Amino acid sequence: MEPFSYASFLPPTPPPRPPVRSADGRVELTDDVLTVEGNAFSLLELESVSVQSVRWLLWLMLGALVLGGFTLAFLQNWIRTPTAMVGMAAGALLLAWGNRGATRFGLHRLGRETAFYAFSGELSQWQKLAADANQRIQQRHQRAAAEAMALLTWQQAQEQAAAESATDAPSTGT
């Protein structure tokens, strides 16, 4: 009986998909690796990727406090109009800055702490990238499971062939 080759047990590999990069170039996704700001993560070590919009609460509170303080001081006649206008404008700018926020990009790693990164830009662009990353993570996990099953099947076939050849061999006993 001829020996089995391991390659005959492997499932067919899908064609590689083109790499995906974010608009600012800080995130790159291939079929095996997700690189975020120069840190490479294997898709096998990732469970999923999440994205959420985060508002800067400190800036919102500070902007509201400055705007409310200057408005109250103006209404109580404690400060004059030009000073109140500058203070209210500064408060409104702080509010706008805090409302702008950031996008929180979370990498959920198997058995480890989640790694978070903050990016600017449209949330929808990051959601598309995260959806593609989650799809590739699942495909990579399925491919690894299929490869492990093929290896196990090949090893069992080798053991069975060795056992059959041992029983078929004539014994030379006296």
Protein backbone atom coordinates (compact mmCIF):
# COMPACT_ATOMS: atom_id res chain seq x y z
CA MET A 1 0.00 0.00 0.00
CA GLU A 2 1.38 3.40 -0.93
CA PRO A 3 1.78 6.03 1.80
CA PHE A 4 -0.71 8.87 1.99
CA SER A 5 0.50 12.41 1.47
CA TYR A 6 -0.61 15.08 3.91
CA ALA A 7 -1.52 17.39 1.01
CA SER A 8 -4.20 14.97 -0.16
CA PHE A 9 -6.08 15.50 3.11
CA LEU A 10 -5.96 19.32 3.06
CA PRO A 11 -9.11 21.13 1.99
CA PRO A 12 -8.76 23.43 -1.01
CA THR A 13 -7.54 26.90 -0.02
CA PRO A 14 -9.64 29.84 -1.18
CA PRO A 15 -7.95 32.44 -3.37
CA PRO A 16 -6.35 35.24 -1.35
CA ARG A 17 -8.35 38.41 -0.98
CA PRO A 18 -6.70 41.78 -1.57
CA PRO A 19 -5.43 43.65 1.51
CA VAL A 20 -7.62 46.42 2.91
CA ARG A 21 -6.20 49.68 4.30
CA SER A 22 -7.91 52.44 6.21
CA ALA A 23 -8.11 55.90 4.68
CA ASP A 24 -5.41 57.26 7.01
CA GLY A 25 -3.19 54.16 6.59
CA ARG A 26 -3.10 53.29 10.30
CA VAL A 27 -4.90 49.94 9.87
CA GLU A 28 -4.10 47.23 7.32
CA LEU A 29 -5.97 43.94 6.99
CA THR A 30 -4.80 40.86 5.08
CA ASP A 31 -6.05 37.26 5.13
CA ASP A 32 -3.74 36.37 8.05
CA VAL A 33 -2.73 39.59 9.85
CA LEU A 34 -4.38 42.76 11.14
CA THR A 35 -1.84 45.57 11.58
CA VAL A 36 -2.90 48.53 13.73
CA GLU A 37 -0.44 51.43 14.06
CA GLY A 38 2.51 49.12 13.39
CA ASN A 39 1.34 46.40 15.82
CA ALA A 40 0.64 43.14 13.99
CA PHE A 41 -2.06 40.80 15.30
CA SER A 42 -2.58 37.34 13.84
CA LEU A 43 -6.20 36.70 12.93
CA LEU A 44 -5.93 33.43 14.86
CA GLU A 45 -5.31 35.31 18.11
CA LEU A 46 -8.30 37.62 17.59
CA GLU A 47 -11.86 36.80 18.53
CA SER A 48 -13.50 39.85 16.95
CA VAL A 49 -13.16 43.56 16.25
CA SER A 50 -15.57 46.19 17.58
CA VAL A 51 -16.06 49.86 16.76
CA GLN A 52 -17.97 52.50 18.67
CA SER A 53 -18.21 56.24 18.68
CA VAL A 54 -16.95 57.90 21.87
CA ARG A 55 -17.65 61.45 22.92
CA TRP A 56 -15.09 63.30 25.01
CA LEU A 57 -17.06 63.76 28.19
CA LEU A 58 -14.44 65.97 29.87
CA TRP A 59 -14.57 68.50 27.02
CA LEU A 60 -18.37 68.42 26.93
CA MET A 61 -18.57 69.09 30.66
CA LEU A 62 -15.90 71.77 30.54
CA GLY A 63 -17.61 73.47 27.56
CA ALA A 64 -20.99 73.37 29.28
CA LEU A 65 -19.49 74.77 32.49
CA VAL A 66 -17.70 77.62 30.69
CA LEU A 67 -20.70 78.47 28.53
CA GLY A 68 -23.10 78.35 31.48
CA GLY A 69 -20.75 80.28 33.75
CA PHE A 70 -20.22 83.14 31.33
CA THR A 71 -23.92 83.25 30.46
CA LEU A 72 -24.87 83.39 34.13
CA ALA A 73 -22.22 86.04 34.86
CA PHE A 74 -23.48 88.14 31.93
CA LEU A 75 -27.10 87.85 33.02
CA GLN A 76 -26.18 88.89 36.58
CA ASN A 77 -24.29 91.92 35.20
CA TRP A 78 -20.99 90.72 36.69
CA ILE A 79 -19.16 91.03 33.35
CA ARG A 80 -19.55 93.23 30.31
CA THR A 81 -20.80 92.16 26.89
CA PRO A 82 -17.44 91.75 25.04
CA THR A 83 -16.02 89.57 27.81
CA ALA A 84 -19.22 87.51 27.93
CA MET A 85 -19.14 87.04 24.15
CA VAL A 86 -15.56 85.76 24.24
CA GLY A 87 -16.32 83.43 27.16
CA MET A 88 -19.51 82.07 25.57
CA ALA A 89 -17.70 81.53 22.27
CA ALA A 90 -14.92 79.64 24.08
CA GLY A 91 -17.53 77.50 25.85
CA ALA A 92 -19.32 76.76 22.58
CA LEU A 93 -16.01 75.79 20.94
CA LEU A 94 -15.20 73.44 23.83
CA LEU A 95 -18.65 71.87 23.47
CA ALA A 96 -18.14 71.40 19.72
CA TRP A 97 -14.67 69.93 20.30
CA GLY A 98 -16.02 67.43 22.83
CA ASN A 99 -18.98 66.49 20.65
CA ARG A 100 -16.60 65.66 17.80
CA GLY A 101 -15.21 62.73 19.79
CA ALA A 102 -13.31 59.81 18.37
CA THR A 103 -13.85 56.28 17.14
CA ARG A 104 -12.89 53.52 19.56
CA PHE A 105 -11.48 50.48 17.73
CA GLY A 106 -11.38 47.40 19.99
CA LEU A 107 -9.47 44.19 19.26
CA HIS A 108 -10.91 41.34 21.32
CA ARG A 109 -8.08 38.85 21.76
CA LEU A 110 -8.65 35.25 22.81
CA GLY A 111 -7.88 34.83 26.51
CA ARG A 112 -6.33 38.30 26.82
CA GLU A 113 -7.36 41.84 27.51
CA THR A 114 -9.05 43.83 24.77
CA ALA A 115 -6.72 46.27 23.01
CA PHE A 116 -8.31 49.63 22.25
CA TYR A 117 -7.20 52.26 19.73
CA ALA A 118 -8.71 55.70 19.09
CA PHE A 119 -9.09 56.93 15.51
CA SER A 120 -10.61 59.95 13.88
CA GLY A 121 -12.86 59.88 10.86
CA GLU A 122 -16.30 58.72 9.89
CA LEU A 123 -17.74 55.91 11.97
CA SER A 124 -19.21 54.18 8.91
CA GLN A 125 -15.76 53.75 7.33
CA TRP A 126 -14.46 52.04 10.48
CA GLN A 127 -17.59 49.88 10.75
CA LYS A 128 -17.02 48.56 7.22
CA LEU A 129 -13.40 47.75 8.08
CA ALA A 130 -14.45 46.02 11.32
CA ALA A 131 -17.10 43.97 9.50
CA ASP A 132 -14.53 42.84 6.93
CA ALA A 133 -12.05 42.05 9.71
CA ASN A 134 -14.63 39.98 11.60
CA GLN A 135 -15.47 38.06 8.43
CA ARG A 136 -11.79 37.33 7.76
CA ILE A 137 -11.23 36.32 11.39
CA GLN A 138 -14.05 33.76 11.15
CA GLN A 139 -12.75 32.45 7.82
CA ARG A 140 -9.21 32.12 9.21
CA HIS A 141 -10.47 30.23 12.27
CA GLN A 142 -12.49 27.89 10.04
CA ARG A 143 -9.48 27.31 7.78
CA ALA A 144 -7.27 26.52 10.80
CA ALA A 145 -9.88 24.06 12.10
CA ALA A 146 -10.06 22.36 8.70
CA GLU A 147 -6.25 22.11 8.57
CA ALA A 148 -6.17 20.60 12.06
CA MET A 149 -8.85 18.08 11.09
CA ALA A 150 -6.89 17.18 7.95
CA LEU A 151 -3.75 16.62 10.02
CA LEU A 152 -5.64 14.44 12.48
CA THR A 153 -7.19 12.40 9.66
CA TRP A 154 -3.78 11.99 8.00
CA GLN A 155 -2.20 10.81 11.25
CA GLN A 156 -5.01 8.31 11.80
CA ALA A 157 -4.61 7.02 8.24
CA GLN A 158 -0.84 6.64 8.82
CA GLU A 159 -1.42 4.73 12.05
CA GLN A 160 -4.02 2.50 10.40
CA ALA A 161 -1.71 1.78 7.46
CA ALA A 162 1.15 0.97 9.86
CA ALA A 163 -1.10 -1.34 11.84
CA GLU A 164 -2.28 -3.11 8.67
CA SER A 165 1.25 -3.53 7.38
CA ALA A 166 2.32 -4.94 10.74
CA THR A 167 -0.44 -7.56 10.66
CA ASP A 168 0.15 -8.40 7.01
CA ALA A 169 3.89 -8.96 7.43
CA PRO A 170 4.82 -12.63 7.83
CA SER A 171 6.06 -13.41 11.27
CA THR A 172 9.36 -15.18 11.53
CA GLY A 173 9.06 -17.01 14.78
CA THR A 174 10.60 -20.32 15.82
